[in-house]
All heavy atoms as atom14 arrays in JSON, in Angstrom:
{
  "sequence": "AKGRFTISRDNAKNTVYLQMNSLKPEDTAVYYCAYRVCSGLGCRV",
  "atom14_mask": [
    [1, 1, 1, 1, 1, 0, 0, 0, 0, 0, 0, 0, 0, 0],
    [1, 1, 1, 1, 1, 1, 1, 1, 1, 0, 0, 0, 0, 0],
    [1, 1, 1, 1, 0, 0, 0, 0, 0, 0, 0, 0, 0, 0],
    [1, 1, 1, 1, 1, 1, 1, 1, 1, 1, 1, 0, 0, 0],
    [1, 1, 1, 1, 1, 1, 1, 1, 1, 1, 1, 0, 0, 0],
    [1, 1, 1, 1, 1, 1, 1, 0, 0, 0, 0, 0, 0, 0],
    [1, 1, 1, 1, 1, 1, 1, 1, 0, 0, 0, 0, 0, 0],
    [1, 1, 1, 1, 1, 1, 0, 0, 0, 0, 0, 0, 0, 0],
    [1, 1, 1, 1, 1, 1, 1, 1, 1, 1, 1, 0, 0, 0],
    [1, 1, 1, 1, 1, 1, 1, 1, 0, 0, 0, 0, 0, 0],
    [1, 1, 1, 1, 1, 1, 1, 1, 0, 0, 0, 0, 0, 0],
    [1, 1, 1, 1, 1, 0, 0, 0, 0, 0, 0, 0, 0, 0],
    [1, 1, 1, 1, 1, 1, 1, 1, 1, 0, 0, 0, 0, 0],
    [1, 1, 1, 1, 1, 1, 1, 1, 0, 0, 0, 0, 0, 0],
    [1, 1, 1, 1, 1, 1, 1, 0, 0, 0, 0, 0, 0, 0],
    [1, 1, 1, 1, 1, 1, 1, 0, 0, 0, 0, 0, 0, 0],
    [1, 1, 1, 1, 1, 1, 1, 1, 1, 1, 1, 1, 0, 0],
    [1, 1, 1, 1, 1, 1, 1, 1, 0, 0, 0, 0, 0, 0],
    [1, 1, 1, 1, 1, 1, 1, 1, 1, 0, 0, 0, 0, 0],
    [1, 1, 1, 1, 1, 1, 1, 1, 0, 0, 0, 0, 0, 0],
    [1, 1, 1, 1, 1, 1, 1, 1, 0, 0, 0, 0, 0, 0],
    [1, 1, 1, 1, 1, 1, 0, 0, 0, 0, 0, 0, 0, 0],
    [1, 1, 1, 1, 1, 1, 1, 1, 0, 0, 0, 0, 0, 0],
    [1, 1, 1, 1, 1, 1, 1, 1, 1, 0, 0, 0, 0, 0],
    [1, 1, 1, 1, 1, 1, 1, 0, 0, 0, 0, 0, 0, 0],
    [1, 1, 1, 1, 1, 1, 1, 1, 1, 0, 0, 0, 0, 0],
    [1, 1, 1, 1, 1, 1, 1, 1, 0, 0, 0, 0, 0, 0],
    [1, 1, 1, 1, 1, 1, 1, 0, 0, 0, 0, 0, 0, 0],
    [1, 1, 1, 1, 1, 0, 0, 0, 0, 0, 0, 0, 0, 0],
    [1, 1, 1, 1, 1, 1, 1, 0, 0, 0, 0, 0, 0, 0],
    [1, 1, 1, 1, 1, 1, 1, 1, 1, 1, 1, 1, 0, 0],
    [1, 1, 1, 1, 1, 1, 1, 1, 1, 1, 1, 1, 0, 0],
    [1, 1, 1, 1, 1, 1, 0, 0, 0, 0, 0, 0, 0, 0],
    [1, 1, 1, 1, 1, 0, 0, 0, 0, 0, 0, 0, 0, 0],
    [1, 1, 1, 1, 1, 1, 1, 1, 1, 1, 1, 1, 0, 0],
    [1, 1, 1, 1, 1, 1, 1, 1, 1, 1, 1, 0, 0, 0],
    [1, 1, 1, 1, 1, 1, 1, 0, 0, 0, 0, 0, 0, 0],
    [1, 1, 1, 1, 1, 1, 0, 0, 0, 0, 0, 0, 0, 0],
    [1, 1, 1, 1, 1, 1, 0, 0, 0, 0, 0, 0, 0, 0],
    [1, 1, 1, 1, 0, 0, 0, 0, 0, 0, 0, 0, 0, 0],
    [1, 1, 1, 1, 1, 1, 1, 1, 0, 0, 0, 0, 0, 0],
    [1, 1, 1, 1, 0, 0, 0, 0, 0, 0, 0, 0, 0, 0],
    [1, 1, 1, 1, 1, 1, 0, 0, 0, 0, 0, 0, 0, 0],
    [1, 1, 1, 1, 1, 1, 1, 1, 1, 1, 1, 0, 0, 0],
    [1, 1, 1, 1, 1, 1, 1, 0, 0, 0, 0, 0, 0, 0]
  ],
  "atom14_positions": [
    [[14.37, -13.62, -6.26], [13.73, -13.33, -4.98], [13.2, -11.9, -4.89], [12.37, -11.6, -4.03], [14.71, -13.57, -3.84], [0.0, 0.0, 0.0], [0.0, 0.0, 0.0], [0.0, 0.0, 0.0], [0.0, 0.0, 0.0], [0.0, 0.0, 0.0], [0.0, 0.0, 0.0], [0.0, 0.0, 0.0], [0.0, 0.0, 0.0], [0.0, 0.0, 0.0]],
    [[13.67, -11.03, -5.75], [13.3, -9.62, -5.65], [11.79, -9.43, -5.82], [11.17, -9.99, -6.71], [14.06, -8.82, -6.7], [15.55, -8.71, -6.39], [16.29, -7.93, -7.46], [17.78, -7.85, -7.11], [18.57, -7.15, -8.16], [0.0, 0.0, 0.0], [0.0, 0.0, 0.0], [0.0, 0.0, 0.0], [0.0, 0.0, 0.0], [0.0, 0.0, 0.0]],
    [[11.24, -8.65, -4.91], [9.81, -8.37, -4.96], [8.95, -9.41, -4.29], [7.75, -9.19, -4.09], [0.0, 0.0, 0.0], [0.0, 0.0, 0.0], [0.0, 0.0, 0.0], [0.0, 0.0, 0.0], [0.0, 0.0, 0.0], [0.0, 0.0, 0.0], [0.0, 0.0, 0.0], [0.0, 0.0, 0.0], [0.0, 0.0, 0.0], [0.0, 0.0, 0.0]],
    [[9.53, -10.57, -3.96], [8.75, -11.62, -3.33], [9.31, -12.05, -1.97], [8.54, -12.38, -1.07], [8.69, -12.85, -4.25], [8.07, -12.59, -5.59], [7.87, -13.89, -6.37], [9.12, -14.59, -6.6], [9.33, -15.87, -6.27], [8.36, -16.57, -5.71], [10.49, -16.45, -6.52], [0.0, 0.0, 0.0], [0.0, 0.0, 0.0], [0.0, 0.0, 0.0]],
    [[10.62, -12.05, -1.83], [11.25, -12.51, -0.59], [11.86, -11.31, 0.14], [12.43, -10.42, -0.49], [12.35, -13.51, -0.88], [11.9, -14.8, -1.51], [12.83, -15.79, -1.81], [10.57, -15.06, -1.79], [12.46, -16.99, -2.38], [10.17, -16.26, -2.35], [11.12, -17.22, -2.66], [0.0, 0.0, 0.0], [0.0, 0.0, 0.0], [0.0, 0.0, 0.0]],
    [[11.77, -11.36, 1.46], [12.38, -10.31, 2.28], [13.2, -10.96, 3.38], [12.69, -11.79, 4.14], [11.3, -9.42, 2.91], [10.5, -8.83, 1.88], [11.95, -8.31, 3.73], [0.0, 0.0, 0.0], [0.0, 0.0, 0.0], [0.0, 0.0, 0.0], [0.0, 0.0, 0.0], [0.0, 0.0, 0.0], [0.0, 0.0, 0.0], [0.0, 0.0, 0.0]],
    [[14.46, -10.56, 3.46], [15.32, -11.06, 4.52], [15.43, -10.01, 5.61], [15.47, -8.81, 5.34], [16.72, -11.45, 3.97], [17.54, -12.16, 5.04], [17.45, -10.23, 3.43], [18.83, -12.78, 4.51], [0.0, 0.0, 0.0], [0.0, 0.0, 0.0], [0.0, 0.0, 0.0], [0.0, 0.0, 0.0], [0.0, 0.0, 0.0], [0.0, 0.0, 0.0]],
    [[15.46, -10.47, 6.84], [15.6, -9.57, 7.98], [16.35, -10.29, 9.08], [16.53, -11.51, 9.02], [14.24, -9.09, 8.48], [13.45, -10.19, 8.9], [0.0, 0.0, 0.0], [0.0, 0.0, 0.0], [0.0, 0.0, 0.0], [0.0, 0.0, 0.0], [0.0, 0.0, 0.0], [0.0, 0.0, 0.0], [0.0, 0.0, 0.0], [0.0, 0.0, 0.0]],
    [[16.8, -9.55, 10.07], [17.51, -10.2, 11.17], [17.21, -9.49, 12.48], [16.94, -8.29, 12.49], [19.01, -10.25, 10.91], [19.73, -8.93, 10.91], [21.17, -9.08, 10.44], [22.03, -9.73, 11.43], [23.28, -10.12, 11.2], [23.81, -9.92, 9.99], [24.01, -10.69, 12.14], [0.0, 0.0, 0.0], [0.0, 0.0, 0.0], [0.0, 0.0, 0.0]],
    [[17.3, -10.25, 13.53], [17.17, -9.75, 14.89], [18.52, -10.01, 15.56], [18.81, -11.14, 15.96], [16.04, -10.47, 15.61], [15.78, -9.91, 17.01], [16.74, -9.37, 17.63], [14.65, -10.03, 17.49], [0.0, 0.0, 0.0], [0.0, 0.0, 0.0], [0.0, 0.0, 0.0], [0.0, 0.0, 0.0], [0.0, 0.0, 0.0], [0.0, 0.0, 0.0]],
    [[19.34, -8.98, 15.66], [20.7, -9.16, 16.2], [20.68, -9.6, 17.66], [21.56, -10.34, 18.09], [21.5, -7.87, 16.05], [21.86, -7.59, 14.6], [21.99, -8.51, 13.78], [22.02, -6.33, 14.26], [0.0, 0.0, 0.0], [0.0, 0.0, 0.0], [0.0, 0.0, 0.0], [0.0, 0.0, 0.0], [0.0, 0.0, 0.0], [0.0, 0.0, 0.0]],
    [[19.68, -9.15, 18.4], [19.61, -9.53, 19.81], [19.36, -11.03, 19.97], [19.79, -11.64, 20.95], [18.52, -8.74, 20.5], [0.0, 0.0, 0.0], [0.0, 0.0, 0.0], [0.0, 0.0, 0.0], [0.0, 0.0, 0.0], [0.0, 0.0, 0.0], [0.0, 0.0, 0.0], [0.0, 0.0, 0.0], [0.0, 0.0, 0.0], [0.0, 0.0, 0.0]],
    [[18.69, -11.6, 18.99], [18.37, -13.03, 19.05], [19.29, -13.86, 18.15], [19.12, -15.08, 18.06], [16.92, -13.26, 18.63], [15.89, -12.64, 19.55], [14.48, -12.95, 19.07], [13.45, -12.36, 20.02], [12.05, -12.63, 19.56], [0.0, 0.0, 0.0], [0.0, 0.0, 0.0], [0.0, 0.0, 0.0], [0.0, 0.0, 0.0], [0.0, 0.0, 0.0]],
    [[20.22, -13.21, 17.46], [21.1, -13.93, 16.51], [20.28, -14.76, 15.54], [20.61, -15.93, 15.26], [22.09, -14.82, 17.26], [23.18, -14.02, 17.92], [23.64, -13.01, 17.41], [23.61, -14.47, 19.09], [0.0, 0.0, 0.0], [0.0, 0.0, 0.0], [0.0, 0.0, 0.0], [0.0, 0.0, 0.0], [0.0, 0.0, 0.0], [0.0, 0.0, 0.0]],
    [[19.23, -14.18, 15.04], [18.31, -14.9, 14.17], [18.08, -14.12, 12.89], [17.94, -12.89, 12.91], [16.97, -15.14, 14.89], [17.2, -15.93, 16.06], [15.99, -15.88, 13.99], [0.0, 0.0, 0.0], [0.0, 0.0, 0.0], [0.0, 0.0, 0.0], [0.0, 0.0, 0.0], [0.0, 0.0, 0.0], [0.0, 0.0, 0.0], [0.0, 0.0, 0.0]],
    [[18.03, -14.85, 11.78], [17.72, -14.26, 10.49], [16.44, -14.91, 9.97], [16.18, -16.09, 10.23], [18.89, -14.44, 9.51], [19.13, -15.91, 9.19], [18.65, -13.66, 8.23], [0.0, 0.0, 0.0], [0.0, 0.0, 0.0], [0.0, 0.0, 0.0], [0.0, 0.0, 0.0], [0.0, 0.0, 0.0], [0.0, 0.0, 0.0], [0.0, 0.0, 0.0]],
    [[15.66, -14.12, 9.28], [14.38, -14.58, 8.76], [14.33, -14.41, 7.25], [14.97, -13.52, 6.69], [13.24, -13.78, 9.38], [13.24, -13.78, 10.88], [13.82, -12.73, 11.6], [12.67, -14.83, 11.6], [13.84, -12.72, 12.98], [12.68, -14.83, 12.99], [13.27, -13.77, 13.67], [13.29, -13.78, 15.03], [0.0, 0.0, 0.0], [0.0, 0.0, 0.0]],
    [[13.55, -15.25, 6.61], [13.28, -15.09, 5.18], [11.77, -15.21, 4.98], [11.21, -16.3, 5.09], [14.01, -16.14, 4.35], [13.88, -15.97, 2.84], [14.61, -14.69, 2.39], [14.44, -17.18, 2.09], [0.0, 0.0, 0.0], [0.0, 0.0, 0.0], [0.0, 0.0, 0.0], [0.0, 0.0, 0.0], [0.0, 0.0, 0.0], [0.0, 0.0, 0.0]],
    [[11.15, -14.07, 4.73], [9.73, -14.05, 4.45], [9.56, -14.28, 2.95], [10.06, -13.49, 2.14], [9.11, -12.72, 4.86], [7.64, -12.59, 4.54], [6.77, -13.53, 5.33], [6.96, -13.7, 6.52], [5.82, -14.17, 4.65], [0.0, 0.0, 0.0], [0.0, 0.0, 0.0], [0.0, 0.0, 0.0], [0.0, 0.0, 0.0], [0.0, 0.0, 0.0]],
    [[8.85, -15.32, 2.6], [8.67, -15.67, 1.19], [7.19, -15.58, 0.84], [6.36, -16.29, 1.41], [9.19, -17.09, 0.92], [10.65, -17.29, 1.32], [11.3, -18.9, 0.84], [10.31, -19.97, 1.88], [0.0, 0.0, 0.0], [0.0, 0.0, 0.0], [0.0, 0.0, 0.0], [0.0, 0.0, 0.0], [0.0, 0.0, 0.0], [0.0, 0.0, 0.0]],
    [[6.89, -14.69, -0.08], [5.51, -14.49, -0.54], [5.39, -14.85, -2.01], [6.39, -14.96, -2.72], [5.1, -13.03, -0.33], [5.14, -12.6, 1.12], [4.86, -13.39, 2.02], [5.48, -11.35, 1.35], [0.0, 0.0, 0.0], [0.0, 0.0, 0.0], [0.0, 0.0, 0.0], [0.0, 0.0, 0.0], [0.0, 0.0, 0.0], [0.0, 0.0, 0.0]],
    [[4.17, -15.02, -2.45], [3.9, -15.34, -3.87], [4.76, -16.5, -4.34], [5.4, -16.45, -5.39], [4.14, -14.11, -4.74], [3.34, -13.03, -4.34], [0.0, 0.0, 0.0], [0.0, 0.0, 0.0], [0.0, 0.0, 0.0], [0.0, 0.0, 0.0], [0.0, 0.0, 0.0], [0.0, 0.0, 0.0], [0.0, 0.0, 0.0], [0.0, 0.0, 0.0]],
    [[4.79, -17.54, -3.55], [5.65, -18.67, -3.86], [5.23, -19.38, -5.15], [4.03, -19.45, -5.48], [5.66, -19.66, -2.7], [6.53, -19.22, -1.52], [6.16, -19.97, -0.25], [8.0, -19.41, -1.84], [0.0, 0.0, 0.0], [0.0, 0.0, 0.0], [0.0, 0.0, 0.0], [0.0, 0.0, 0.0], [0.0, 0.0, 0.0], [0.0, 0.0, 0.0]],
    [[6.23, -19.88, -5.86], [6.02, -20.57, -7.12], [6.56, -22.0, -7.02], [7.46, -22.26, -6.2], [6.76, -19.84, -8.24], [6.43, -18.37, -8.37], [7.32, -17.7, -9.4], [7.04, -16.21, -9.5], [7.92, -15.55, -10.52], [0.0, 0.0, 0.0], [0.0, 0.0, 0.0], [0.0, 0.0, 0.0], [0.0, 0.0, 0.0], [0.0, 0.0, 0.0]],
    [[6.06, -22.9, -7.84], [6.61, -24.27, -7.8], [8.13, -24.3, -7.99], [8.8, -25.17, -7.4], [5.88, -24.95, -8.96], [4.56, -24.24, -9.04], [4.9, -22.8, -8.73], [0.0, 0.0, 0.0], [0.0, 0.0, 0.0], [0.0, 0.0, 0.0], [0.0, 0.0, 0.0], [0.0, 0.0, 0.0], [0.0, 0.0, 0.0], [0.0, 0.0, 0.0]],
    [[8.66, -23.38, -8.76], [10.11, -23.37, -8.98], [10.9, -22.91, -7.75], [12.13, -22.96, -7.75], [10.48, -22.5, -10.19], [9.87, -21.12, -10.19], [8.59, -21.05, -11.01], [7.74, -21.98, -10.91], [8.43, -20.05, -11.75], [0.0, 0.0, 0.0], [0.0, 0.0, 0.0], [0.0, 0.0, 0.0], [0.0, 0.0, 0.0], [0.0, 0.0, 0.0]],
    [[10.21, -22.47, -6.71], [10.89, -22.15, -5.45], [11.12, -23.4, -4.6], [11.76, -23.33, -3.55], [10.06, -21.15, -4.64], [9.96, -19.8, -5.33], [10.97, -19.32, -5.86], [8.84, -19.23, -5.32], [0.0, 0.0, 0.0], [0.0, 0.0, 0.0], [0.0, 0.0, 0.0], [0.0, 0.0, 0.0], [0.0, 0.0, 0.0], [0.0, 0.0, 0.0]],
    [[10.59, -24.52, -5.04], [10.77, -25.76, -4.3], [12.24, -26.12, -4.23], [12.94, -26.2, -5.24], [10.0, -26.91, -4.99], [8.6, -26.62, -4.91], [10.28, -28.23, -4.31], [0.0, 0.0, 0.0], [0.0, 0.0, 0.0], [0.0, 0.0, 0.0], [0.0, 0.0, 0.0], [0.0, 0.0, 0.0], [0.0, 0.0, 0.0], [0.0, 0.0, 0.0]],
    [[12.72, -26.3, -3.01], [14.14, -26.58, -2.79], [14.38, -26.79, -1.3], [13.5, -26.54, -0.47], [15.0, -25.41, -3.27], [0.0, 0.0, 0.0], [0.0, 0.0, 0.0], [0.0, 0.0, 0.0], [0.0, 0.0, 0.0], [0.0, 0.0, 0.0], [0.0, 0.0, 0.0], [0.0, 0.0, 0.0], [0.0, 0.0, 0.0], [0.0, 0.0, 0.0]],
    [[15.58, -27.23, -0.99], [16.04, -27.2, 0.4], [16.7, -25.85, 0.6], [17.59, -25.46, -0.17], [17.03, -28.34, 0.69], [17.53, -28.23, 2.13], [16.37, -29.7, 0.46], [0.0, 0.0, 0.0], [0.0, 0.0, 0.0], [0.0, 0.0, 0.0], [0.0, 0.0, 0.0], [0.0, 0.0, 0.0], [0.0, 0.0, 0.0], [0.0, 0.0, 0.0]],
    [[16.28, -25.15, 1.63], [16.8, -23.82, 1.92], [17.81, -23.92, 3.07], [17.5, -24.48, 4.13], [15.66, -22.88, 2.28], [14.9, -22.42, 1.05], [14.07, -23.32, 0.36], [15.0, -21.12, 0.57], [13.39, -22.91, -0.78], [14.32, -20.71, -0.56], [13.52, -21.61, -1.23], [12.85, -21.22, -2.37], [0.0, 0.0, 0.0], [0.0, 0.0, 0.0]],
    [[18.99, -23.35, 2.81], [20.08, -23.42, 3.77], [20.41, -22.03, 4.31], [20.51, -21.06, 3.54], [21.34, -23.98, 3.13], [21.21, -25.42, 2.67], [20.79, -25.72, 1.38], [21.5, -26.46, 3.54], [20.68, -27.04, 0.96], [21.4, -27.78, 3.13], [20.98, -28.05, 1.83], [20.86, -29.36, 1.42], [0.0, 0.0, 0.0], [0.0, 0.0, 0.0]],
    [[20.62, -21.97, 5.6], [21.1, -20.76, 6.24], [22.62, -20.78, 6.24], [23.23, -21.85, 6.43], [20.56, -20.7, 7.66], [21.1, -19.29, 8.63], [0.0, 0.0, 0.0], [0.0, 0.0, 0.0], [0.0, 0.0, 0.0], [0.0, 0.0, 0.0], [0.0, 0.0, 0.0], [0.0, 0.0, 0.0], [0.0, 0.0, 0.0], [0.0, 0.0, 0.0]],
    [[23.23, -19.64, 6.02], [24.68, -19.55, 5.98], [25.16, -18.37, 6.82], [24.46, -17.36, 6.93], [25.15, -19.4, 4.54], [0.0, 0.0, 0.0], [0.0, 0.0, 0.0], [0.0, 0.0, 0.0], [0.0, 0.0, 0.0], [0.0, 0.0, 0.0], [0.0, 0.0, 0.0], [0.0, 0.0, 0.0], [0.0, 0.0, 0.0], [0.0, 0.0, 0.0]],
    [[26.37, -18.53, 7.35], [26.9, -17.54, 8.29], [28.33, -17.22, 7.9], [29.16, -18.11, 7.72], [26.86, -18.13, 9.69], [27.27, -17.22, 10.82], [26.32, -16.56, 11.58], [28.61, -17.03, 11.15], [26.68, -15.74, 12.64], [28.98, -16.21, 12.2], [28.01, -15.57, 12.94], [28.37, -14.76, 13.98], [0.0, 0.0, 0.0], [0.0, 0.0, 0.0]],
    [[28.61, -15.93, 7.75], [29.94, -15.48, 7.38], [30.53, -14.73, 8.56], [29.96, -13.72, 8.99], [29.88, -14.58, 6.15], [31.23, -14.09, 5.66], [31.06, -13.12, 4.51], [32.36, -12.7, 3.97], [32.51, -11.73, 3.07], [31.46, -11.07, 2.62], [33.72, -11.43, 2.65], [0.0, 0.0, 0.0], [0.0, 0.0, 0.0], [0.0, 0.0, 0.0]],
    [[31.63, -15.21, 9.07], [32.28, -14.57, 10.2], [32.93, -13.27, 9.75], [33.76, -13.27, 8.84], [33.33, -15.5, 10.83], [34.06, -14.77, 11.96], [32.69, -16.78, 11.33], [0.0, 0.0, 0.0], [0.0, 0.0, 0.0], [0.0, 0.0, 0.0], [0.0, 0.0, 0.0], [0.0, 0.0, 0.0], [0.0, 0.0, 0.0], [0.0, 0.0, 0.0]],
    [[32.55, -12.18, 10.38], [33.14, -10.87, 10.07], [33.41, -10.16, 11.38], [32.49, -9.97, 12.17], [32.18, -10.04, 9.23], [31.87, -10.69, 7.6], [0.0, 0.0, 0.0], [0.0, 0.0, 0.0], [0.0, 0.0, 0.0], [0.0, 0.0, 0.0], [0.0, 0.0, 0.0], [0.0, 0.0, 0.0], [0.0, 0.0, 0.0], [0.0, 0.0, 0.0]],
    [[34.64, -9.8, 11.59], [34.99, -9.13, 12.84], [34.93, -7.62, 12.74], [35.0, -6.93, 13.74], [36.39, -9.56, 13.3], [37.33, -9.25, 12.28], [0.0, 0.0, 0.0], [0.0, 0.0, 0.0], [0.0, 0.0, 0.0], [0.0, 0.0, 0.0], [0.0, 0.0, 0.0], [0.0, 0.0, 0.0], [0.0, 0.0, 0.0], [0.0, 0.0, 0.0]],
    [[34.79, -7.09, 11.53], [34.75, -5.64, 11.35], [33.38, -5.19, 10.91], [32.46, -5.98, 10.74], [0.0, 0.0, 0.0], [0.0, 0.0, 0.0], [0.0, 0.0, 0.0], [0.0, 0.0, 0.0], [0.0, 0.0, 0.0], [0.0, 0.0, 0.0], [0.0, 0.0, 0.0], [0.0, 0.0, 0.0], [0.0, 0.0, 0.0], [0.0, 0.0, 0.0]],
    [[33.27, -3.9, 10.69], [31.99, -3.31, 10.32], [31.79, -3.22, 8.82], [30.74, -2.82, 8.36], [31.88, -1.91, 10.93], [32.0, -1.83, 12.45], [31.89, -0.38, 12.92], [30.92, -2.67, 13.12], [0.0, 0.0, 0.0], [0.0, 0.0, 0.0], [0.0, 0.0, 0.0], [0.0, 0.0, 0.0], [0.0, 0.0, 0.0], [0.0, 0.0, 0.0]],
    [[32.82, -3.58, 8.05], [32.74, -3.36, 6.62], [32.34, -4.56, 5.79], [32.43, -4.52, 4.57], [0.0, 0.0, 0.0], [0.0, 0.0, 0.0], [0.0, 0.0, 0.0], [0.0, 0.0, 0.0], [0.0, 0.0, 0.0], [0.0, 0.0, 0.0], [0.0, 0.0, 0.0], [0.0, 0.0, 0.0], [0.0, 0.0, 0.0], [0.0, 0.0, 0.0]],
    [[31.9, -5.63, 6.44], [31.56, -6.83, 5.68], [30.3, -6.62, 4.87], [29.27, -6.2, 5.4], [31.39, -8.01, 6.63], [32.93, -8.65, 7.24], [0.0, 0.0, 0.0], [0.0, 0.0, 0.0], [0.0, 0.0, 0.0], [0.0, 0.0, 0.0], [0.0, 0.0, 0.0], [0.0, 0.0, 0.0], [0.0, 0.0, 0.0], [0.0, 0.0, 0.0]],
    [[30.39, -6.99, 3.62], [29.24, -6.88, 2.73], [28.63, -8.25, 2.5], [29.28, -9.27, 2.71], [29.67, -6.28, 1.39], [30.21, -4.87, 1.49], [30.59, -4.31, 0.13], [31.07, -2.94, 0.21], [31.44, -2.23, -0.85], [31.4, -2.76, -2.06], [31.86, -1.0, -0.68], [0.0, 0.0, 0.0], [0.0, 0.0, 0.0], [0.0, 0.0, 0.0]],
    [[27.42, -8.24, 2.05], [26.76, -9.49, 1.72], [27.41, -10.09, 0.48], [27.69, -9.38, -0.49], [25.26, -9.27, 1.46], [24.6, -10.57, 1.0], [24.58, -8.74, 2.71], [0.0, 0.0, 0.0], [0.0, 0.0, 0.0], [0.0, 0.0, 0.0], [0.0, 0.0, 0.0], [0.0, 0.0, 0.0], [0.0, 0.0, 0.0], [0.0, 0.0, 0.0]]
  ]
}
């Protein structure tokens, strides 16, 4: 995904986005959103 996809989020809307550019046939797939519950500030991706 590096160089082609950009992830971003709007915390006020609880929404995450995935901007996908320069798409290739091998990007064909079902894309799933996932959510990790973190109660602290130190959670990493």
